[in-house]
């Protein structure tokens, strides 16, 4: 995997990094299996990042909200559906993948963006092993209030 590190000084800059990834995902040749795993503490900017990604796909970022209570939100775009998933409220383990019907989401045209992917437990290494289709995004809040965004992109 290739690693890129960005320093975000504001929600707008976090949005811009998400937008940049969204442009790359929109150009990806395969319509299915595009996965973005977003890790970070509460308030680190995961949903803001997904808003940027959505905007690059032609979606209204104002319609992208944290799906903490719904678990999954679907946003249709011309190339498929952006599935925005939040596993925060689920216990860690294989039940998390079942609760969101992960296998079905991965088989549909579009992009699956998962906040709190650690909750997938033993399913996560299998998902992350798809190095040709999985982006990993780590958002860390720094002491000065800025964010470090580390993006691991697929090889290839």
N, C-alpha and C. Protein backbone atom coordinates (compact mmCIF):
# COMPACT_ATOMS: atom_id res chain seq x y z
N UNK A 1 0.84 -1.18 0.00
CA UNK A 1 0.00 0.00 0.00
C UNK A 1 0.89 1.24 0.00
N UNK A 2 0.38 2.28 -0.60
CA UNK A 2 1.06 3.57 -0.62
C UNK A 2 0.49 4.44 0.49
N UNK A 3 1.35 5.17 1.18
CA UNK A 3 0.91 6.02 2.29
C UNK A 3 1.10 7.49 1.94
N UNK A 4 0.06 8.28 2.24
CA UNK A 4 0.13 9.72 2.10
C UNK A 4 -0.34 10.32 3.41
N UNK A 5 0.32 11.38 3.87
CA UNK A 5 -0.06 12.03 5.12
C UNK A 5 -0.40 13.48 4.83
N UNK A 6 -1.54 13.93 5.36
CA UNK A 6 -2.00 15.29 5.20
C UNK A 6 -2.18 15.91 6.58
N UNK A 7 -1.98 17.20 6.68
CA UNK A 7 -2.26 17.93 7.91
C UNK A 7 -3.46 18.82 7.64
N UNK A 8 -4.51 18.63 8.41
CA UNK A 8 -5.73 19.42 8.26
C UNK A 8 -5.83 20.41 9.40
N UNK A 9 -6.02 21.68 9.04
CA UNK A 9 -6.17 22.74 10.03
C UNK A 9 -7.63 23.11 10.27
N UNK A 10 -8.54 22.51 9.48
CA UNK A 10 -9.95 22.89 9.59
C UNK A 10 -10.84 21.80 8.99
N UNK A 11 -12.13 21.84 9.30
CA UNK A 11 -13.06 20.91 8.66
C UNK A 11 -13.04 21.04 7.13
N UNK A 12 -12.85 22.25 6.62
CA UNK A 12 -12.78 22.44 5.17
C UNK A 12 -11.61 21.70 4.55
N UNK A 13 -10.48 21.68 5.24
CA UNK A 13 -9.31 20.96 4.73
C UNK A 13 -9.52 19.45 4.80
N UNK A 14 -10.20 18.98 5.84
CA UNK A 14 -10.54 17.55 5.93
C UNK A 14 -11.48 17.18 4.78
N UNK A 15 -12.45 18.03 4.52
CA UNK A 15 -13.39 17.86 3.41
C UNK A 15 -12.60 17.75 2.10
N UNK A 16 -11.62 18.61 1.92
CA UNK A 16 -10.83 18.65 0.67
C UNK A 16 -10.05 17.35 0.46
N UNK A 17 -9.52 16.77 1.52
CA UNK A 17 -8.79 15.50 1.39
C UNK A 17 -9.78 14.40 1.00
N UNK A 18 -10.96 14.41 1.61
CA UNK A 18 -12.01 13.46 1.23
C UNK A 18 -12.43 13.63 -0.22
N UNK A 19 -12.53 14.88 -0.66
CA UNK A 19 -12.89 15.18 -2.05
C UNK A 19 -11.86 14.59 -3.01
N UNK A 20 -10.60 14.76 -2.67
CA UNK A 20 -9.53 14.23 -3.51
C UNK A 20 -9.63 12.72 -3.65
N UNK A 21 -9.90 12.04 -2.54
CA UNK A 21 -10.06 10.58 -2.62
C UNK A 21 -11.31 10.24 -3.43
N UNK A 22 -12.38 11.00 -3.26
CA UNK A 22 -13.60 10.77 -4.03
C UNK A 22 -13.37 10.84 -5.53
N UNK A 23 -12.54 11.78 -5.96
CA UNK A 23 -12.21 11.88 -7.38
C UNK A 23 -11.49 10.62 -7.86
N UNK A 24 -10.57 10.12 -7.06
CA UNK A 24 -9.85 8.90 -7.41
C UNK A 24 -10.79 7.70 -7.47
N UNK A 25 -11.70 7.62 -6.51
CA UNK A 25 -12.64 6.50 -6.48
C UNK A 25 -13.61 6.55 -7.66
N UNK A 26 -14.03 7.75 -8.03
CA UNK A 26 -14.94 7.90 -9.16
C UNK A 26 -14.30 7.41 -10.46
N UNK A 27 -12.98 7.53 -10.56
CA UNK A 27 -12.27 7.11 -11.77
C UNK A 27 -11.83 5.65 -11.72
N UNK A 28 -12.06 4.98 -10.61
CA UNK A 28 -11.63 3.59 -10.46
C UNK A 28 -12.34 2.71 -11.49
N UNK A 29 -11.63 1.82 -12.19
CA UNK A 29 -12.23 1.07 -13.29
C UNK A 29 -13.27 0.03 -12.88
N UNK A 30 -13.17 -0.52 -11.70
CA UNK A 30 -14.13 -1.54 -11.26
C UNK A 30 -15.31 -0.88 -10.55
N UNK A 31 -16.55 -1.21 -10.92
CA UNK A 31 -17.70 -0.56 -10.31
C UNK A 31 -18.03 -1.06 -8.90
N UNK A 32 -17.56 -2.26 -8.54
CA UNK A 32 -17.89 -2.83 -7.23
C UNK A 32 -16.64 -2.98 -6.37
N UNK A 33 -16.87 -3.17 -5.09
CA UNK A 33 -15.78 -3.51 -4.18
C UNK A 33 -14.88 -2.38 -3.75
N UNK A 34 -15.25 -1.14 -4.05
CA UNK A 34 -14.43 -0.01 -3.59
C UNK A 34 -14.77 0.25 -2.13
N UNK A 35 -13.76 0.16 -1.27
CA UNK A 35 -13.99 0.25 0.17
C UNK A 35 -13.07 1.31 0.77
N UNK A 36 -13.64 2.11 1.67
CA UNK A 36 -12.87 3.11 2.42
C UNK A 36 -13.11 2.82 3.90
N UNK A 37 -12.04 2.48 4.62
CA UNK A 37 -12.13 2.21 6.05
C UNK A 37 -11.62 3.44 6.80
N UNK A 38 -12.49 4.06 7.62
CA UNK A 38 -12.15 5.30 8.31
C UNK A 38 -12.02 5.06 9.81
N UNK A 39 -10.83 5.26 10.34
CA UNK A 39 -10.57 5.07 11.77
C UNK A 39 -10.18 6.39 12.41
N UNK A 40 -10.64 6.58 13.63
CA UNK A 40 -10.31 7.78 14.38
C UNK A 40 -11.25 7.92 15.55
N UNK A 41 -10.84 8.69 16.52
CA UNK A 41 -11.66 8.90 17.71
C UNK A 41 -12.92 9.69 17.36
N UNK A 42 -13.86 9.72 18.30
CA UNK A 42 -15.05 10.55 18.13
C UNK A 42 -14.64 11.99 17.86
N UNK A 43 -15.26 12.60 16.88
CA UNK A 43 -14.98 14.00 16.56
C UNK A 43 -13.71 14.24 15.77
N UNK A 44 -13.10 13.17 15.25
CA UNK A 44 -11.84 13.35 14.52
C UNK A 44 -12.04 13.80 13.07
N UNK A 45 -13.27 13.74 12.56
CA UNK A 45 -13.53 14.23 11.21
C UNK A 45 -13.90 13.16 10.20
N UNK A 46 -14.25 11.98 10.65
CA UNK A 46 -14.58 10.89 9.71
C UNK A 46 -15.76 11.25 8.80
N UNK A 47 -16.83 11.76 9.40
CA UNK A 47 -18.00 12.12 8.59
C UNK A 47 -17.70 13.31 7.69
N UNK A 48 -16.93 14.26 8.16
CA UNK A 48 -16.53 15.40 7.32
C UNK A 48 -15.75 14.91 6.11
N UNK A 49 -14.89 13.93 6.31
CA UNK A 49 -14.12 13.33 5.23
C UNK A 49 -15.08 12.70 4.21
N UNK A 50 -16.08 11.96 4.70
CA UNK A 50 -17.05 11.31 3.79
C UNK A 50 -17.88 12.36 3.05
N UNK A 51 -18.17 13.48 3.67
CA UNK A 51 -18.88 14.57 2.98
C UNK A 51 -18.07 15.03 1.76
N UNK A 52 -16.76 15.17 1.93
CA UNK A 52 -15.90 15.55 0.80
C UNK A 52 -15.91 14.49 -0.28
N UNK A 53 -15.82 13.25 0.12
CA UNK A 53 -15.85 12.13 -0.83
C UNK A 53 -17.16 12.18 -1.62
N UNK A 54 -18.26 12.38 -0.91
CA UNK A 54 -19.58 12.44 -1.55
C UNK A 54 -19.67 13.59 -2.55
N UNK A 55 -19.14 14.75 -2.18
CA UNK A 55 -19.18 15.91 -3.07
C UNK A 55 -18.46 15.62 -4.38
N UNK A 56 -17.36 14.89 -4.31
CA UNK A 56 -16.61 14.55 -5.53
C UNK A 56 -17.41 13.62 -6.43
N UNK A 57 -18.37 12.92 -5.87
CA UNK A 57 -19.22 12.01 -6.65
C UNK A 57 -20.46 12.72 -7.18
N UNK A 58 -20.55 14.03 -6.93
CA UNK A 58 -21.69 14.81 -7.40
C UNK A 58 -22.85 14.84 -6.42
N UNK A 59 -22.63 14.37 -5.20
CA UNK A 59 -23.69 14.37 -4.19
C UNK A 59 -23.66 15.66 -3.39
N UNK A 60 -24.78 15.99 -2.77
CA UNK A 60 -24.86 17.16 -1.91
C UNK A 60 -24.28 16.79 -0.55
N UNK A 61 -23.16 17.38 -0.16
CA UNK A 61 -22.55 17.00 1.12
C UNK A 61 -23.44 17.30 2.32
N UNK A 62 -24.38 18.23 2.19
CA UNK A 62 -25.29 18.54 3.29
C UNK A 62 -26.20 17.36 3.62
N UNK A 63 -26.39 16.47 2.67
CA UNK A 63 -27.23 15.29 2.89
C UNK A 63 -26.48 14.15 3.55
N UNK A 64 -25.17 14.28 3.69
CA UNK A 64 -24.35 13.24 4.31
C UNK A 64 -24.21 13.58 5.79
N UNK A 65 -24.80 12.74 6.62
CA UNK A 65 -24.71 12.91 8.07
C UNK A 65 -24.21 11.60 8.67
N UNK A 66 -23.81 11.65 9.91
CA UNK A 66 -23.32 10.44 10.56
C UNK A 66 -24.45 9.43 10.68
N UNK A 67 -24.25 8.22 10.18
CA UNK A 67 -25.29 7.21 10.28
C UNK A 67 -25.22 6.40 11.58
N UNK A 68 -24.82 7.03 12.67
CA UNK A 68 -24.61 6.32 13.93
C UNK A 68 -25.84 5.52 14.36
N UNK A 69 -27.02 6.08 14.23
CA UNK A 69 -28.22 5.37 14.69
C UNK A 69 -28.86 4.55 13.58
N UNK A 70 -28.68 4.94 12.32
CA UNK A 70 -29.24 4.17 11.20
C UNK A 70 -28.30 3.05 10.77
N UNK A 71 -27.05 3.12 11.12
CA UNK A 71 -25.96 2.20 10.74
C UNK A 71 -25.50 2.40 9.31
N UNK A 72 -26.45 2.47 8.35
CA UNK A 72 -26.08 2.60 6.94
C UNK A 72 -26.97 3.64 6.28
N UNK A 73 -26.34 4.54 5.53
CA UNK A 73 -27.09 5.48 4.70
C UNK A 73 -26.66 5.28 3.25
N UNK A 74 -27.63 5.29 2.36
CA UNK A 74 -27.37 5.11 0.93
C UNK A 74 -27.53 6.43 0.21
N UNK A 75 -26.55 6.76 -0.62
CA UNK A 75 -26.58 7.99 -1.41
C UNK A 75 -26.27 7.59 -2.86
N UNK A 76 -27.29 7.64 -3.73
CA UNK A 76 -27.12 7.24 -5.13
C UNK A 76 -26.36 8.31 -5.90
N UNK A 77 -25.41 7.87 -6.72
CA UNK A 77 -24.67 8.75 -7.62
C UNK A 77 -24.60 8.04 -8.97
N UNK A 78 -24.21 8.72 -10.06
CA UNK A 78 -24.26 8.09 -11.38
C UNK A 78 -23.50 6.76 -11.51
N UNK A 79 -22.47 6.51 -10.73
CA UNK A 79 -21.72 5.26 -10.82
C UNK A 79 -22.16 4.19 -9.85
N UNK A 80 -23.23 4.43 -9.10
CA UNK A 80 -23.69 3.44 -8.14
C UNK A 80 -24.22 4.10 -6.88
N UNK A 81 -23.85 3.55 -5.74
CA UNK A 81 -24.32 4.06 -4.46
C UNK A 81 -23.14 4.24 -3.52
N UNK A 82 -23.13 5.36 -2.82
CA UNK A 82 -22.19 5.55 -1.72
C UNK A 82 -22.89 5.02 -0.48
N UNK A 83 -22.36 3.94 0.06
CA UNK A 83 -22.89 3.34 1.28
C UNK A 83 -22.06 3.89 2.43
N UNK A 84 -22.65 4.74 3.26
CA UNK A 84 -21.95 5.34 4.40
C UNK A 84 -22.37 4.55 5.64
N UNK A 85 -21.41 3.87 6.23
CA UNK A 85 -21.66 2.94 7.33
C UNK A 85 -20.97 3.45 8.59
N UNK A 86 -21.67 3.34 9.72
CA UNK A 86 -21.09 3.71 11.02
C UNK A 86 -21.34 2.55 11.98
N UNK A 87 -20.27 1.90 12.42
CA UNK A 87 -20.38 0.73 13.28
C UNK A 87 -20.20 1.05 14.76
N UNK A 88 -20.13 2.32 15.12
CA UNK A 88 -19.81 2.72 16.49
C UNK A 88 -20.69 2.05 17.54
N UNK A 89 -21.97 1.93 17.29
CA UNK A 89 -22.90 1.40 18.28
C UNK A 89 -22.95 -0.13 18.33
N UNK A 90 -22.22 -0.79 17.45
CA UNK A 90 -22.27 -2.25 17.41
C UNK A 90 -21.12 -2.87 18.20
N UNK A 91 -21.36 -4.03 18.80
CA UNK A 91 -20.26 -4.72 19.46
C UNK A 91 -19.29 -5.28 18.42
N UNK A 92 -18.04 -5.41 18.81
CA UNK A 92 -17.02 -5.95 17.91
C UNK A 92 -17.28 -7.43 17.66
N UNK A 93 -17.17 -7.82 16.40
CA UNK A 93 -17.31 -9.23 16.06
C UNK A 93 -18.01 -9.40 14.73
N UNK A 94 -18.14 -10.66 14.31
CA UNK A 94 -18.74 -10.94 12.99
C UNK A 94 -20.17 -10.47 12.86
N UNK A 95 -20.86 -10.28 13.97
CA UNK A 95 -22.23 -9.78 13.91
C UNK A 95 -22.33 -8.40 13.31
N UNK A 96 -21.27 -7.61 13.41
CA UNK A 96 -21.29 -6.26 12.83
C UNK A 96 -21.42 -6.34 11.32
N UNK A 97 -20.68 -7.23 10.69
CA UNK A 97 -20.77 -7.39 9.23
C UNK A 97 -22.16 -7.87 8.82
N UNK A 98 -22.73 -8.76 9.61
CA UNK A 98 -24.07 -9.26 9.33
C UNK A 98 -25.11 -8.17 9.50
N UNK A 99 -24.95 -7.33 10.52
CA UNK A 99 -25.92 -6.27 10.81
C UNK A 99 -26.05 -5.28 9.67
N UNK A 100 -24.97 -5.07 8.93
CA UNK A 100 -25.02 -4.10 7.83
C UNK A 100 -25.09 -4.79 6.46
N UNK A 101 -25.20 -6.12 6.44
CA UNK A 101 -25.23 -6.89 5.19
C UNK A 101 -24.02 -6.54 4.32
N UNK A 102 -22.84 -6.58 4.93
CA UNK A 102 -21.61 -6.17 4.26
C UNK A 102 -21.37 -6.92 2.95
N UNK A 103 -21.59 -8.21 2.93
CA UNK A 103 -21.35 -8.98 1.71
C UNK A 103 -22.20 -8.45 0.55
N UNK A 104 -23.45 -8.10 0.84
CA UNK A 104 -24.33 -7.57 -0.21
C UNK A 104 -23.86 -6.19 -0.67
N UNK A 105 -23.44 -5.34 0.29
CA UNK A 105 -22.99 -4.00 -0.08
C UNK A 105 -21.77 -4.07 -1.00
N UNK A 106 -20.84 -4.97 -0.69
CA UNK A 106 -19.61 -5.08 -1.48
C UNK A 106 -19.87 -5.59 -2.89
N UNK A 107 -20.97 -6.27 -3.10
CA UNK A 107 -21.29 -6.80 -4.42
C UNK A 107 -22.05 -5.84 -5.31
N UNK A 108 -22.41 -4.68 -4.80
CA UNK A 108 -23.18 -3.72 -5.58
C UNK A 108 -22.28 -2.62 -6.13
N UNK A 109 -22.66 -2.04 -7.29
CA UNK A 109 -21.87 -0.92 -7.81
C UNK A 109 -21.85 0.24 -6.83
N UNK A 110 -20.68 0.77 -6.60
CA UNK A 110 -20.57 1.91 -5.72
C UNK A 110 -19.38 1.83 -4.80
N UNK A 111 -19.49 2.53 -3.69
CA UNK A 111 -18.40 2.68 -2.73
C UNK A 111 -18.96 2.44 -1.34
N UNK A 112 -18.24 1.68 -0.54
CA UNK A 112 -18.63 1.42 0.85
C UNK A 112 -17.63 2.15 1.74
N UNK A 113 -18.09 3.17 2.47
CA UNK A 113 -17.26 3.94 3.39
C UNK A 113 -17.67 3.54 4.81
N UNK A 114 -16.75 2.93 5.56
CA UNK A 114 -17.08 2.38 6.87
C UNK A 114 -16.33 3.13 7.98
N UNK A 115 -17.11 3.79 8.84
CA UNK A 115 -16.54 4.40 10.04
C UNK A 115 -16.51 3.34 11.14
N UNK A 116 -15.46 3.34 11.95
CA UNK A 116 -15.25 2.38 13.02
C UNK A 116 -15.12 0.95 12.48
N UNK A 117 -14.29 0.72 11.46
CA UNK A 117 -14.17 -0.63 10.88
C UNK A 117 -13.61 -1.65 11.87
N UNK A 118 -12.98 -1.18 12.94
CA UNK A 118 -12.43 -2.10 13.94
C UNK A 118 -13.52 -2.98 14.52
N UNK A 119 -14.76 -2.51 14.48
CA UNK A 119 -15.89 -3.27 15.03
C UNK A 119 -16.17 -4.53 14.22
N UNK A 120 -15.61 -4.62 13.02
CA UNK A 120 -15.81 -5.82 12.21
C UNK A 120 -15.07 -7.02 12.79
N UNK A 121 -14.13 -6.77 13.67
CA UNK A 121 -13.40 -7.86 14.33
C UNK A 121 -12.68 -8.75 13.34
N UNK A 122 -12.92 -10.06 13.39
CA UNK A 122 -12.19 -10.99 12.53
C UNK A 122 -12.49 -10.83 11.05
N UNK A 123 -13.55 -10.13 10.69
CA UNK A 123 -13.88 -9.90 9.28
C UNK A 123 -12.94 -8.85 8.68
N UNK A 124 -12.47 -7.92 9.51
CA UNK A 124 -11.66 -6.81 9.03
C UNK A 124 -10.40 -7.24 8.30
N UNK A 125 -9.59 -8.15 8.83
CA UNK A 125 -8.38 -8.55 8.08
C UNK A 125 -8.70 -9.11 6.69
N UNK A 126 -9.79 -9.84 6.59
CA UNK A 126 -10.19 -10.38 5.29
C UNK A 126 -10.54 -9.26 4.33
N UNK A 127 -11.28 -8.29 4.82
CA UNK A 127 -11.67 -7.14 4.00
C UNK A 127 -10.45 -6.32 3.61
N UNK A 128 -9.60 -6.05 4.58
CA UNK A 128 -8.42 -5.23 4.33
C UNK A 128 -7.40 -5.94 3.45
N UNK A 129 -7.49 -7.26 3.37
CA UNK A 129 -6.55 -8.01 2.53
C UNK A 129 -6.77 -7.72 1.06
N UNK A 130 -7.93 -7.20 0.71
CA UNK A 130 -8.19 -6.83 -0.68
C UNK A 130 -7.44 -5.56 -1.02
N UNK A 131 -6.10 -5.65 -1.03
CA UNK A 131 -5.27 -4.46 -1.20
C UNK A 131 -5.52 -3.74 -2.51
N UNK A 132 -6.14 -4.40 -3.45
CA UNK A 132 -6.39 -3.76 -4.74
C UNK A 132 -7.67 -2.94 -4.73
N UNK A 133 -8.39 -2.91 -3.60
CA UNK A 133 -9.68 -2.21 -3.58
C UNK A 133 -9.97 -1.46 -2.30
N UNK A 134 -9.11 -1.57 -1.30
CA UNK A 134 -9.40 -1.00 0.01
C UNK A 134 -8.47 0.14 0.35
N UNK A 135 -9.07 1.27 0.69
CA UNK A 135 -8.33 2.45 1.17
C UNK A 135 -8.52 2.49 2.68
N UNK A 136 -7.47 2.76 3.41
CA UNK A 136 -7.55 2.92 4.86
C UNK A 136 -7.23 4.37 5.18
N UNK A 137 -8.09 4.99 5.97
CA UNK A 137 -7.93 6.39 6.34
C UNK A 137 -7.90 6.47 7.86
N UNK A 138 -6.84 7.06 8.39
CA UNK A 138 -6.70 7.27 9.83
C UNK A 138 -6.73 8.77 10.09
N UNK A 139 -7.62 9.20 10.96
CA UNK A 139 -7.72 10.60 11.34
C UNK A 139 -7.34 10.72 12.81
N UNK A 140 -6.28 11.44 13.06
CA UNK A 140 -5.78 11.62 14.42
C UNK A 140 -5.85 13.09 14.80
N UNK A 141 -6.44 13.37 15.96
CA UNK A 141 -6.45 14.75 16.45
C UNK A 141 -5.13 15.01 17.15
N UNK A 142 -4.46 16.07 16.75
CA UNK A 142 -3.18 16.45 17.34
C UNK A 142 -3.41 17.39 18.52
N UNK A 143 -2.40 17.60 19.33
CA UNK A 143 -2.54 18.43 20.52
C UNK A 143 -2.96 19.86 20.22
N UNK A 144 -2.59 20.35 19.04
CA UNK A 144 -2.93 21.73 18.70
C UNK A 144 -4.32 21.87 18.06
N UNK A 145 -5.09 20.77 18.03
CA UNK A 145 -6.42 20.80 17.46
C UNK A 145 -6.48 20.48 15.98
N UNK A 146 -5.33 20.42 15.34
CA UNK A 146 -5.29 20.04 13.93
C UNK A 146 -5.48 18.53 13.82
N UNK A 147 -5.66 18.06 12.58
CA UNK A 147 -5.84 16.64 12.32
C UNK A 147 -4.73 16.15 11.40
N UNK A 148 -4.22 14.97 11.71
CA UNK A 148 -3.32 14.28 10.78
C UNK A 148 -4.17 13.22 10.10
N UNK A 149 -4.20 13.27 8.78
CA UNK A 149 -4.96 12.31 8.00
C UNK A 149 -3.95 11.43 7.25
N UNK A 150 -3.95 10.16 7.58
CA UNK A 150 -3.06 9.21 6.92
C UNK A 150 -3.89 8.34 6.01
N UNK A 151 -3.54 8.36 4.74
CA UNK A 151 -4.29 7.61 3.73
C UNK A 151 -3.40 6.51 3.17
N UNK A 152 -3.87 5.29 3.29
CA UNK A 152 -3.19 4.14 2.69
C UNK A 152 -4.02 3.74 1.47
N UNK A 153 -3.43 3.91 0.31
CA UNK A 153 -4.16 3.60 -0.92
C UNK A 153 -3.75 2.23 -1.44
N UNK A 154 -4.61 1.60 -2.22
CA UNK A 154 -4.28 0.29 -2.77
C UNK A 154 -3.05 0.34 -3.65
N UNK A 155 -2.40 -0.78 -3.73
CA UNK A 155 -1.26 -0.92 -4.64
C UNK A 155 -1.81 -1.12 -6.03
N UNK A 156 -1.18 -0.53 -6.99
CA UNK A 156 -1.60 -0.79 -8.36
C UNK A 156 -1.99 0.40 -9.12
